[in-house]
Amino acid sequence: MDTIVGKRNGKESVILTLIERKTRCQLLRLIEGRDADSVSYALRGIKREWGACIKTITADNGPEFTALNTAFAGTETEIFYAHPYTSCDRGTNEARNRMIRQDFPKGMSLDDISPSQVQATQDRLNQLPRKQQGYCTPQQNFEAEARRVRRMAQ
């Protein structure tokens, strides 16, 4: 998990990125700011929709991720934090952030974009076939995994 910042004035919207490790499916949310409250609010929505599928989260050490334990309270999700200044702990996330930057370059104000634009980027990235996934798309694999997890929970 990470955040993508547009302009670095501290008061702008940011994009929250979450990669599901097994299927490499990426969840993107446009949030109001780079603070723990905004991240927690977005994660509550993700938890309602996909909570049973999210087993672990490895987050950046930014201050916006200080409330992860409370956001996932009552679930089996384990929270881990990357080592300071070690982006390779989240290599997949960093590589995907570079792909997101194709649509939202550094320095671009993220206040000027809409959630539907972020959703379109998420859909585009999740529809790219991946060699490591047997040339299936992350979306196909994630939906199959979500069905499997939900069947097991019943």
N, C-alpha and C. Protein backbone atom coordinates (compact mmCIF):
# COMPACT_ATOMS: atom_id res chain seq x y z
N MET A 1 0.84 -1.16 0.00
CA MET A 1 0.00 0.00 0.00
C MET A 1 0.89 1.23 0.00
N ASP A 2 0.42 2.25 -0.73
CA ASP A 2 1.18 3.48 -0.84
C ASP A 2 0.23 4.58 -1.24
N THR A 3 0.72 5.80 -1.26
CA THR A 3 -0.04 6.93 -1.79
C THR A 3 0.77 7.59 -2.89
N ILE A 4 0.05 8.10 -3.88
CA ILE A 4 0.66 8.86 -4.97
C ILE A 4 0.24 10.30 -4.78
N VAL A 5 1.24 11.16 -4.70
CA VAL A 5 1.01 12.57 -4.44
C VAL A 5 1.19 13.34 -5.75
N GLY A 6 0.30 14.30 -6.00
CA GLY A 6 0.43 15.17 -7.18
C GLY A 6 1.38 16.30 -6.85
N LYS A 7 0.83 17.45 -6.53
CA LYS A 7 1.66 18.57 -6.09
C LYS A 7 1.99 18.35 -4.63
N ARG A 8 3.15 18.74 -4.22
CA ARG A 8 3.62 18.47 -2.86
C ARG A 8 3.39 19.64 -1.91
N ASN A 9 2.18 20.17 -1.91
CA ASN A 9 1.92 21.27 -0.98
C ASN A 9 1.24 20.79 0.30
N GLY A 10 0.95 19.49 0.38
CA GLY A 10 0.42 18.91 1.60
C GLY A 10 -1.08 19.06 1.78
N LYS A 11 -1.76 19.75 0.89
CA LYS A 11 -3.18 19.98 1.06
C LYS A 11 -4.00 19.42 -0.10
N GLU A 12 -3.40 18.62 -0.93
CA GLU A 12 -4.04 18.13 -2.15
C GLU A 12 -4.58 16.72 -1.98
N SER A 13 -5.45 16.34 -2.90
CA SER A 13 -5.92 14.97 -2.98
C SER A 13 -4.74 14.07 -3.36
N VAL A 14 -4.83 12.81 -2.97
CA VAL A 14 -3.81 11.81 -3.33
C VAL A 14 -4.53 10.55 -3.80
N ILE A 15 -3.78 9.66 -4.41
CA ILE A 15 -4.33 8.38 -4.84
C ILE A 15 -3.77 7.30 -3.92
N LEU A 16 -4.66 6.57 -3.28
CA LEU A 16 -4.28 5.43 -2.44
C LEU A 16 -4.17 4.22 -3.35
N THR A 17 -3.04 3.51 -3.29
CA THR A 17 -2.84 2.32 -4.11
C THR A 17 -2.68 1.10 -3.20
N LEU A 18 -3.37 0.05 -3.53
CA LEU A 18 -3.30 -1.20 -2.78
C LEU A 18 -3.21 -2.33 -3.80
N ILE A 19 -2.18 -3.16 -3.70
CA ILE A 19 -1.97 -4.28 -4.61
C ILE A 19 -2.28 -5.57 -3.87
N GLU A 20 -3.16 -6.39 -4.43
CA GLU A 20 -3.41 -7.71 -3.87
C GLU A 20 -2.28 -8.60 -4.37
N ARG A 21 -1.52 -9.14 -3.46
CA ARG A 21 -0.25 -9.79 -3.78
C ARG A 21 -0.40 -11.04 -4.65
N LYS A 22 -1.36 -11.88 -4.36
CA LYS A 22 -1.48 -13.15 -5.07
C LYS A 22 -1.88 -12.96 -6.54
N THR A 23 -2.85 -12.09 -6.78
CA THR A 23 -3.36 -11.91 -8.14
C THR A 23 -2.81 -10.67 -8.82
N ARG A 24 -2.11 -9.81 -8.08
CA ARG A 24 -1.55 -8.55 -8.59
C ARG A 24 -2.63 -7.57 -9.03
N CYS A 25 -3.82 -7.73 -8.50
CA CYS A 25 -4.91 -6.80 -8.80
C CYS A 25 -4.69 -5.53 -7.99
N GLN A 26 -4.90 -4.40 -8.63
CA GLN A 26 -4.64 -3.12 -7.98
C GLN A 26 -5.94 -2.39 -7.69
N LEU A 27 -6.07 -1.91 -6.45
CA LEU A 27 -7.21 -1.11 -6.04
C LEU A 27 -6.73 0.33 -5.86
N LEU A 28 -7.37 1.25 -6.54
CA LEU A 28 -7.01 2.66 -6.47
C LEU A 28 -8.19 3.45 -5.94
N ARG A 29 -7.92 4.39 -5.06
CA ARG A 29 -8.95 5.28 -4.53
C ARG A 29 -8.40 6.69 -4.49
N LEU A 30 -9.18 7.65 -4.98
CA LEU A 30 -8.85 9.06 -4.85
C LEU A 30 -9.33 9.51 -3.48
N ILE A 31 -8.41 9.99 -2.65
CA ILE A 31 -8.78 10.41 -1.30
C ILE A 31 -8.43 11.87 -1.10
N GLU A 32 -9.06 12.48 -0.10
CA GLU A 32 -8.97 13.93 0.11
C GLU A 32 -7.59 14.44 0.46
N GLY A 33 -6.82 13.65 1.18
CA GLY A 33 -5.51 14.14 1.59
C GLY A 33 -4.61 13.01 2.03
N ARG A 34 -3.39 13.36 2.31
CA ARG A 34 -2.39 12.38 2.74
C ARG A 34 -2.34 12.38 4.26
N ASP A 35 -3.45 11.92 4.86
CA ASP A 35 -3.53 11.87 6.32
C ASP A 35 -4.21 10.56 6.72
N ALA A 36 -4.04 10.19 7.98
CA ALA A 36 -4.54 8.91 8.47
C ALA A 36 -6.06 8.81 8.38
N ASP A 37 -6.77 9.90 8.60
CA ASP A 37 -8.24 9.87 8.54
C ASP A 37 -8.74 9.57 7.14
N SER A 38 -8.15 10.21 6.14
CA SER A 38 -8.56 9.97 4.75
C SER A 38 -8.27 8.54 4.33
N VAL A 39 -7.11 8.03 4.71
CA VAL A 39 -6.75 6.65 4.38
C VAL A 39 -7.69 5.67 5.08
N SER A 40 -7.97 5.91 6.35
CA SER A 40 -8.87 5.03 7.10
C SER A 40 -10.27 5.00 6.49
N TYR A 41 -10.75 6.16 6.07
CA TYR A 41 -12.08 6.24 5.45
C TYR A 41 -12.12 5.40 4.17
N ALA A 42 -11.11 5.54 3.33
CA ALA A 42 -11.05 4.76 2.09
C ALA A 42 -10.93 3.26 2.38
N LEU A 43 -10.14 2.91 3.39
CA LEU A 43 -9.94 1.50 3.72
C LEU A 43 -11.20 0.85 4.28
N ARG A 44 -12.02 1.63 4.97
CA ARG A 44 -13.29 1.06 5.46
C ARG A 44 -14.16 0.61 4.29
N GLY A 45 -14.18 1.40 3.21
CA GLY A 45 -14.93 1.00 2.02
C GLY A 45 -14.34 -0.23 1.35
N ILE A 46 -13.02 -0.27 1.26
CA ILE A 46 -12.34 -1.44 0.68
C ILE A 46 -12.59 -2.67 1.54
N LYS A 47 -12.55 -2.48 2.85
CA LYS A 47 -12.77 -3.60 3.77
C LYS A 47 -14.19 -4.16 3.63
N ARG A 48 -15.18 -3.27 3.50
CA ARG A 48 -16.56 -3.73 3.32
C ARG A 48 -16.70 -4.57 2.05
N GLU A 49 -16.03 -4.14 1.00
CA GLU A 49 -16.16 -4.81 -0.29
C GLU A 49 -15.30 -6.06 -0.40
N TRP A 50 -14.05 -5.98 0.05
CA TRP A 50 -13.09 -7.05 -0.20
C TRP A 50 -12.40 -7.58 1.06
N GLY A 51 -12.89 -7.25 2.24
CA GLY A 51 -12.21 -7.58 3.49
C GLY A 51 -11.78 -9.02 3.64
N ALA A 52 -12.63 -9.97 3.24
CA ALA A 52 -12.30 -11.38 3.39
C ALA A 52 -11.14 -11.80 2.49
N CYS A 53 -10.90 -11.05 1.42
CA CYS A 53 -9.85 -11.39 0.46
C CYS A 53 -8.49 -10.82 0.84
N ILE A 54 -8.47 -9.84 1.74
CA ILE A 54 -7.23 -9.17 2.08
C ILE A 54 -6.66 -9.81 3.34
N LYS A 55 -5.59 -10.56 3.17
CA LYS A 55 -4.99 -11.29 4.29
C LYS A 55 -3.87 -10.51 4.97
N THR A 56 -3.05 -9.81 4.18
CA THR A 56 -1.96 -9.01 4.74
C THR A 56 -1.85 -7.70 3.97
N ILE A 57 -1.31 -6.70 4.62
CA ILE A 57 -1.00 -5.43 3.98
C ILE A 57 0.41 -5.03 4.39
N THR A 58 1.22 -4.68 3.40
CA THR A 58 2.53 -4.11 3.68
C THR A 58 2.48 -2.67 3.23
N ALA A 59 2.62 -1.77 4.18
CA ALA A 59 2.47 -0.35 3.90
C ALA A 59 3.80 0.38 4.01
N ASP A 60 3.82 1.52 3.39
CA ASP A 60 4.92 2.47 3.52
C ASP A 60 4.93 2.96 4.98
N ASN A 61 5.98 3.60 5.40
CA ASN A 61 6.08 4.11 6.76
C ASN A 61 5.55 5.52 6.92
N GLY A 62 4.80 6.01 5.93
CA GLY A 62 4.29 7.37 5.99
C GLY A 62 3.30 7.57 7.12
N PRO A 63 3.13 8.80 7.57
CA PRO A 63 2.21 9.09 8.67
C PRO A 63 0.75 8.80 8.32
N GLU A 64 0.44 8.70 7.02
CA GLU A 64 -0.94 8.42 6.62
C GLU A 64 -1.36 6.98 6.94
N PHE A 65 -0.40 6.12 7.26
CA PHE A 65 -0.71 4.72 7.53
C PHE A 65 -0.64 4.36 9.02
N THR A 66 -0.67 5.34 9.89
CA THR A 66 -0.57 5.08 11.33
C THR A 66 -1.81 4.41 11.90
N ALA A 67 -2.96 4.53 11.24
CA ALA A 67 -4.21 3.99 11.79
C ALA A 67 -4.66 2.70 11.08
N LEU A 68 -3.74 2.00 10.43
CA LEU A 68 -4.14 0.79 9.71
C LEU A 68 -4.71 -0.28 10.63
N ASN A 69 -4.12 -0.43 11.81
CA ASN A 69 -4.60 -1.46 12.73
C ASN A 69 -6.05 -1.22 13.13
N THR A 70 -6.43 0.02 13.33
CA THR A 70 -7.83 0.31 13.69
C THR A 70 -8.75 0.17 12.49
N ALA A 71 -8.27 0.49 11.29
CA ALA A 71 -9.09 0.36 10.09
C ALA A 71 -9.44 -1.09 9.81
N PHE A 72 -8.54 -2.01 10.15
CA PHE A 72 -8.79 -3.43 9.89
C PHE A 72 -9.07 -4.21 11.18
N ALA A 73 -9.47 -3.50 12.23
CA ALA A 73 -9.84 -4.17 13.48
C ALA A 73 -11.04 -5.10 13.21
N GLY A 74 -11.01 -6.26 13.82
CA GLY A 74 -12.10 -7.22 13.66
C GLY A 74 -11.95 -8.11 12.44
N THR A 75 -10.83 -8.01 11.73
CA THR A 75 -10.59 -8.89 10.59
C THR A 75 -9.32 -9.69 10.86
N GLU A 76 -9.05 -10.63 10.00
CA GLU A 76 -7.84 -11.45 10.13
C GLU A 76 -6.66 -10.84 9.37
N THR A 77 -6.83 -9.64 8.84
CA THR A 77 -5.78 -8.99 8.07
C THR A 77 -4.62 -8.61 8.97
N GLU A 78 -3.41 -9.02 8.56
CA GLU A 78 -2.20 -8.66 9.30
C GLU A 78 -1.57 -7.44 8.62
N ILE A 79 -1.09 -6.51 9.43
CA ILE A 79 -0.49 -5.28 8.93
C ILE A 79 1.02 -5.34 9.14
N PHE A 80 1.77 -5.06 8.08
CA PHE A 80 3.22 -4.99 8.14
C PHE A 80 3.65 -3.64 7.59
N TYR A 81 4.80 -3.18 8.04
CA TYR A 81 5.36 -1.93 7.54
C TYR A 81 6.71 -2.21 6.91
N ALA A 82 6.96 -1.57 5.77
CA ALA A 82 8.23 -1.72 5.08
C ALA A 82 9.34 -1.10 5.92
N HIS A 83 10.55 -1.56 5.70
CA HIS A 83 11.69 -0.96 6.37
C HIS A 83 11.85 0.48 5.87
N PRO A 84 12.26 1.38 6.73
CA PRO A 84 12.45 2.77 6.30
C PRO A 84 13.43 2.87 5.13
N TYR A 85 13.08 3.69 4.15
CA TYR A 85 13.90 3.95 2.97
C TYR A 85 14.22 2.70 2.18
N THR A 86 13.32 1.72 2.21
CA THR A 86 13.53 0.46 1.49
C THR A 86 12.31 0.19 0.61
N SER A 87 12.24 0.88 -0.51
CA SER A 87 11.09 0.72 -1.39
C SER A 87 11.04 -0.67 -2.01
N CYS A 88 12.16 -1.40 -2.00
CA CYS A 88 12.14 -2.75 -2.57
C CYS A 88 11.29 -3.72 -1.74
N ASP A 89 10.94 -3.35 -0.51
CA ASP A 89 10.01 -4.18 0.27
C ASP A 89 8.63 -4.20 -0.37
N ARG A 90 8.36 -3.20 -1.19
CA ARG A 90 7.07 -3.08 -1.87
C ARG A 90 7.31 -2.91 -3.37
N GLY A 91 8.12 -3.77 -3.94
CA GLY A 91 8.55 -3.63 -5.33
C GLY A 91 7.41 -3.60 -6.33
N THR A 92 6.44 -4.49 -6.17
CA THR A 92 5.31 -4.52 -7.09
C THR A 92 4.54 -3.21 -7.03
N ASN A 93 4.34 -2.69 -5.82
CA ASN A 93 3.61 -1.44 -5.64
C ASN A 93 4.36 -0.29 -6.31
N GLU A 94 5.67 -0.23 -6.14
CA GLU A 94 6.45 0.84 -6.75
C GLU A 94 6.40 0.76 -8.27
N ALA A 95 6.48 -0.45 -8.83
CA ALA A 95 6.42 -0.61 -10.28
C ALA A 95 5.05 -0.18 -10.82
N ARG A 96 4.00 -0.53 -10.13
CA ARG A 96 2.66 -0.12 -10.56
C ARG A 96 2.44 1.37 -10.40
N ASN A 97 3.04 1.97 -9.37
CA ASN A 97 2.93 3.42 -9.22
C ASN A 97 3.53 4.14 -10.43
N ARG A 98 4.62 3.59 -10.97
CA ARG A 98 5.20 4.17 -12.18
C ARG A 98 4.21 4.09 -13.35
N MET A 99 3.46 3.00 -13.42
CA MET A 99 2.46 2.85 -14.49
C MET A 99 1.31 3.85 -14.29
N ILE A 100 0.94 4.10 -13.07
CA ILE A 100 -0.11 5.08 -12.78
C ILE A 100 0.34 6.47 -13.17
N ARG A 101 1.63 6.75 -13.00
CA ARG A 101 2.18 8.05 -13.35
C ARG A 101 2.07 8.36 -14.83
N GLN A 102 1.83 7.37 -15.68
CA GLN A 102 1.58 7.63 -17.09
C GLN A 102 0.31 8.46 -17.26
N ASP A 103 -0.68 8.19 -16.43
CA ASP A 103 -1.95 8.92 -16.50
C ASP A 103 -1.95 10.18 -15.63
N PHE A 104 -1.20 10.14 -14.52
CA PHE A 104 -1.18 11.25 -13.57
C PHE A 104 0.28 11.60 -13.26
N PRO A 105 0.93 12.38 -14.13
CA PRO A 105 2.35 12.68 -13.95
C PRO A 105 2.63 13.47 -12.68
N LYS A 106 3.87 13.38 -12.21
CA LYS A 106 4.30 14.16 -11.05
C LYS A 106 4.07 15.63 -11.31
N GLY A 107 3.67 16.33 -10.28
CA GLY A 107 3.43 17.76 -10.39
C GLY A 107 2.03 18.12 -10.85
N MET A 108 1.27 17.12 -11.35
CA MET A 108 -0.11 17.37 -11.76
C MET A 108 -0.98 17.45 -10.52
N SER A 109 -1.87 18.41 -10.50
CA SER A 109 -2.77 18.54 -9.36
C SER A 109 -3.81 17.43 -9.40
N LEU A 110 -3.86 16.61 -8.37
CA LEU A 110 -4.85 15.53 -8.30
C LEU A 110 -6.21 16.04 -7.86
N ASP A 111 -6.29 17.33 -7.49
CA ASP A 111 -7.59 17.93 -7.19
C ASP A 111 -8.41 18.12 -8.46
N ASP A 112 -7.73 18.11 -9.62
CA ASP A 112 -8.39 18.34 -10.90
C ASP A 112 -8.91 17.06 -11.55
N ILE A 113 -8.71 15.91 -10.92
CA ILE A 113 -9.18 14.66 -11.51
C ILE A 113 -10.39 14.14 -10.73
N SER A 114 -11.11 13.24 -11.35
CA SER A 114 -12.31 12.68 -10.73
C SER A 114 -12.08 11.23 -10.33
N PRO A 115 -12.90 10.72 -9.41
CA PRO A 115 -12.81 9.30 -9.07
C PRO A 115 -13.01 8.39 -10.28
N SER A 116 -13.80 8.82 -11.24
CA SER A 116 -14.01 7.98 -12.43
C SER A 116 -12.74 7.88 -13.28
N GLN A 117 -11.91 8.93 -13.29
CA GLN A 117 -10.64 8.86 -14.00
C GLN A 117 -9.69 7.88 -13.31
N VAL A 118 -9.69 7.89 -11.99
CA VAL A 118 -8.87 6.95 -11.23
C VAL A 118 -9.38 5.52 -11.46
N GLN A 119 -10.69 5.35 -11.49
CA GLN A 119 -11.29 4.04 -11.76
C GLN A 119 -10.90 3.54 -13.15
N ALA A 120 -10.88 4.44 -14.13
CA ALA A 120 -10.49 4.06 -15.50
C ALA A 120 -9.04 3.58 -15.53
N THR A 121 -8.16 4.25 -14.80
CA THR A 121 -6.76 3.81 -14.72
C THR A 121 -6.67 2.45 -14.05
N GLN A 122 -7.42 2.26 -12.95
CA GLN A 122 -7.43 0.97 -12.27
C GLN A 122 -7.90 -0.13 -13.23
N ASP A 123 -8.97 0.12 -13.94
CA ASP A 123 -9.50 -0.89 -14.87
C ASP A 123 -8.49 -1.21 -15.97
N ARG A 124 -7.84 -0.17 -16.50
CA ARG A 124 -6.84 -0.39 -17.57
C ARG A 124 -5.70 -1.26 -17.07
N LEU A 125 -5.18 -0.96 -15.89
CA LEU A 125 -4.06 -1.73 -15.35
C LEU A 125 -4.46 -3.16 -15.01
N ASN A 126 -5.67 -3.35 -14.51
CA ASN A 126 -6.11 -4.69 -14.13
C ASN A 126 -6.55 -5.53 -15.31
N GLN A 127 -6.61 -4.94 -16.51
CA GLN A 127 -6.96 -5.70 -17.71
C GLN A 127 -5.74 -6.07 -18.56
N LEU A 128 -4.54 -5.73 -18.07
CA LEU A 128 -3.32 -6.10 -18.79
C LEU A 128 -2.93 -7.53 -18.43
N PRO A 129 -2.86 -8.44 -19.40
CA PRO A 129 -2.45 -9.81 -19.10
C PRO A 129 -1.02 -9.83 -18.56
N ARG A 130 -0.76 -10.72 -17.61
CA ARG A 130 0.56 -10.81 -16.97
C ARG A 130 1.15 -12.20 -17.22
N LYS A 131 2.40 -12.22 -17.64
CA LYS A 131 3.09 -13.49 -17.89
C LYS A 131 3.11 -14.34 -16.64
N GLN A 132 3.42 -13.73 -15.48
CA GLN A 132 3.51 -14.49 -14.23
C GLN A 132 2.15 -15.04 -13.78
N GLN A 133 1.08 -14.56 -14.39
CA GLN A 133 -0.27 -15.05 -14.07
C GLN A 133 -0.81 -15.95 -15.18
N GLY A 134 0.07 -16.50 -15.98
CA GLY A 134 -0.36 -17.38 -17.07
C GLY A 134 -1.10 -16.63 -18.16
N TYR A 135 -0.75 -15.38 -18.36
CA TYR A 135 -1.35 -14.49 -19.35
C TYR A 135 -2.84 -14.24 -19.09
N CYS A 136 -3.25 -14.44 -17.86
CA CYS A 136 -4.58 -14.00 -17.44
C CYS A 136 -4.44 -12.58 -16.91
N THR A 137 -5.55 -11.89 -16.80
CA THR A 137 -5.50 -10.53 -16.26
C THR A 137 -5.61 -10.58 -14.74
N PRO A 138 -5.08 -9.58 -14.05
CA PRO A 138 -5.24 -9.52 -12.60
C PRO A 138 -6.72 -9.51 -12.19
N GLN A 139 -7.55 -8.84 -12.98
CA GLN A 139 -8.98 -8.78 -12.66
C GLN A 139 -9.61 -10.16 -12.68
N GLN A 140 -9.31 -10.96 -13.70
CA GLN A 140 -9.84 -12.33 -13.80
C GLN A 140 -9.41 -13.16 -12.59
N ASN A 141 -8.13 -13.08 -12.26
CA ASN A 141 -7.62 -13.87 -11.14
C ASN A 141 -8.19 -13.41 -9.81
N PHE A 142 -8.34 -12.10 -9.64
CA PHE A 142 -8.87 -11.57 -8.39
C PHE A 142 -10.33 -11.98 -8.19
N GLU A 143 -11.12 -11.89 -9.26
CA GLU A 143 -12.53 -12.29 -9.16
C GLU A 143 -12.66 -13.77 -8.83
N ALA A 144 -11.81 -14.61 -9.44
CA ALA A 144 -11.84 -16.05 -9.14
C ALA A 144 -11.44 -16.30 -7.69
N GLU A 145 -10.42 -15.59 -7.21
CA GLU A 145 -9.97 -15.75 -5.83
C GLU A 145 -11.04 -15.25 -4.85
N ALA A 146 -11.69 -14.15 -5.18
CA ALA A 146 -12.76 -13.62 -4.31
C ALA A 146 -13.91 -14.61 -4.20
N ARG A 147 -14.28 -15.22 -5.32
CA ARG A 147 -15.35 -16.24 -5.29
C ARG A 147 -14.92 -17.43 -4.41
N ARG A 148 -13.66 -17.85 -4.56
CA ARG A 148 -13.18 -18.99 -3.77
C ARG A 148 -13.19 -18.67 -2.28
N VAL A 149 -12.71 -17.49 -1.91
CA VAL A 149 -12.65 -17.09 -0.49
C VAL A 149 -14.07 -16.98 0.08
N ARG A 150 -14.98 -16.41 -0.66
CA ARG A 150 -16.35 -16.26 -0.18
C ARG A 150 -17.06 -17.60 -0.05
N ARG A 151 -16.76 -18.55 -0.96
CA ARG A 151 -17.33 -19.89 -0.83
C ARG A 151 -16.84 -20.59 0.41
N MET A 152 -15.54 -20.42 0.70
CA MET A 152 -14.96 -21.07 1.88
C MET A 152 -15.53 -20.47 3.16
N ALA A 153 -15.90 -19.20 3.14
CA ALA A 153 -16.41 -18.53 4.34
C ALA A 153 -17.84 -18.95 4.66
N GLN A 154 -18.54 -19.51 3.70
CA GLN A 154 -19.94 -19.90 3.94
C GLN A 154 -20.05 -21.21 4.65
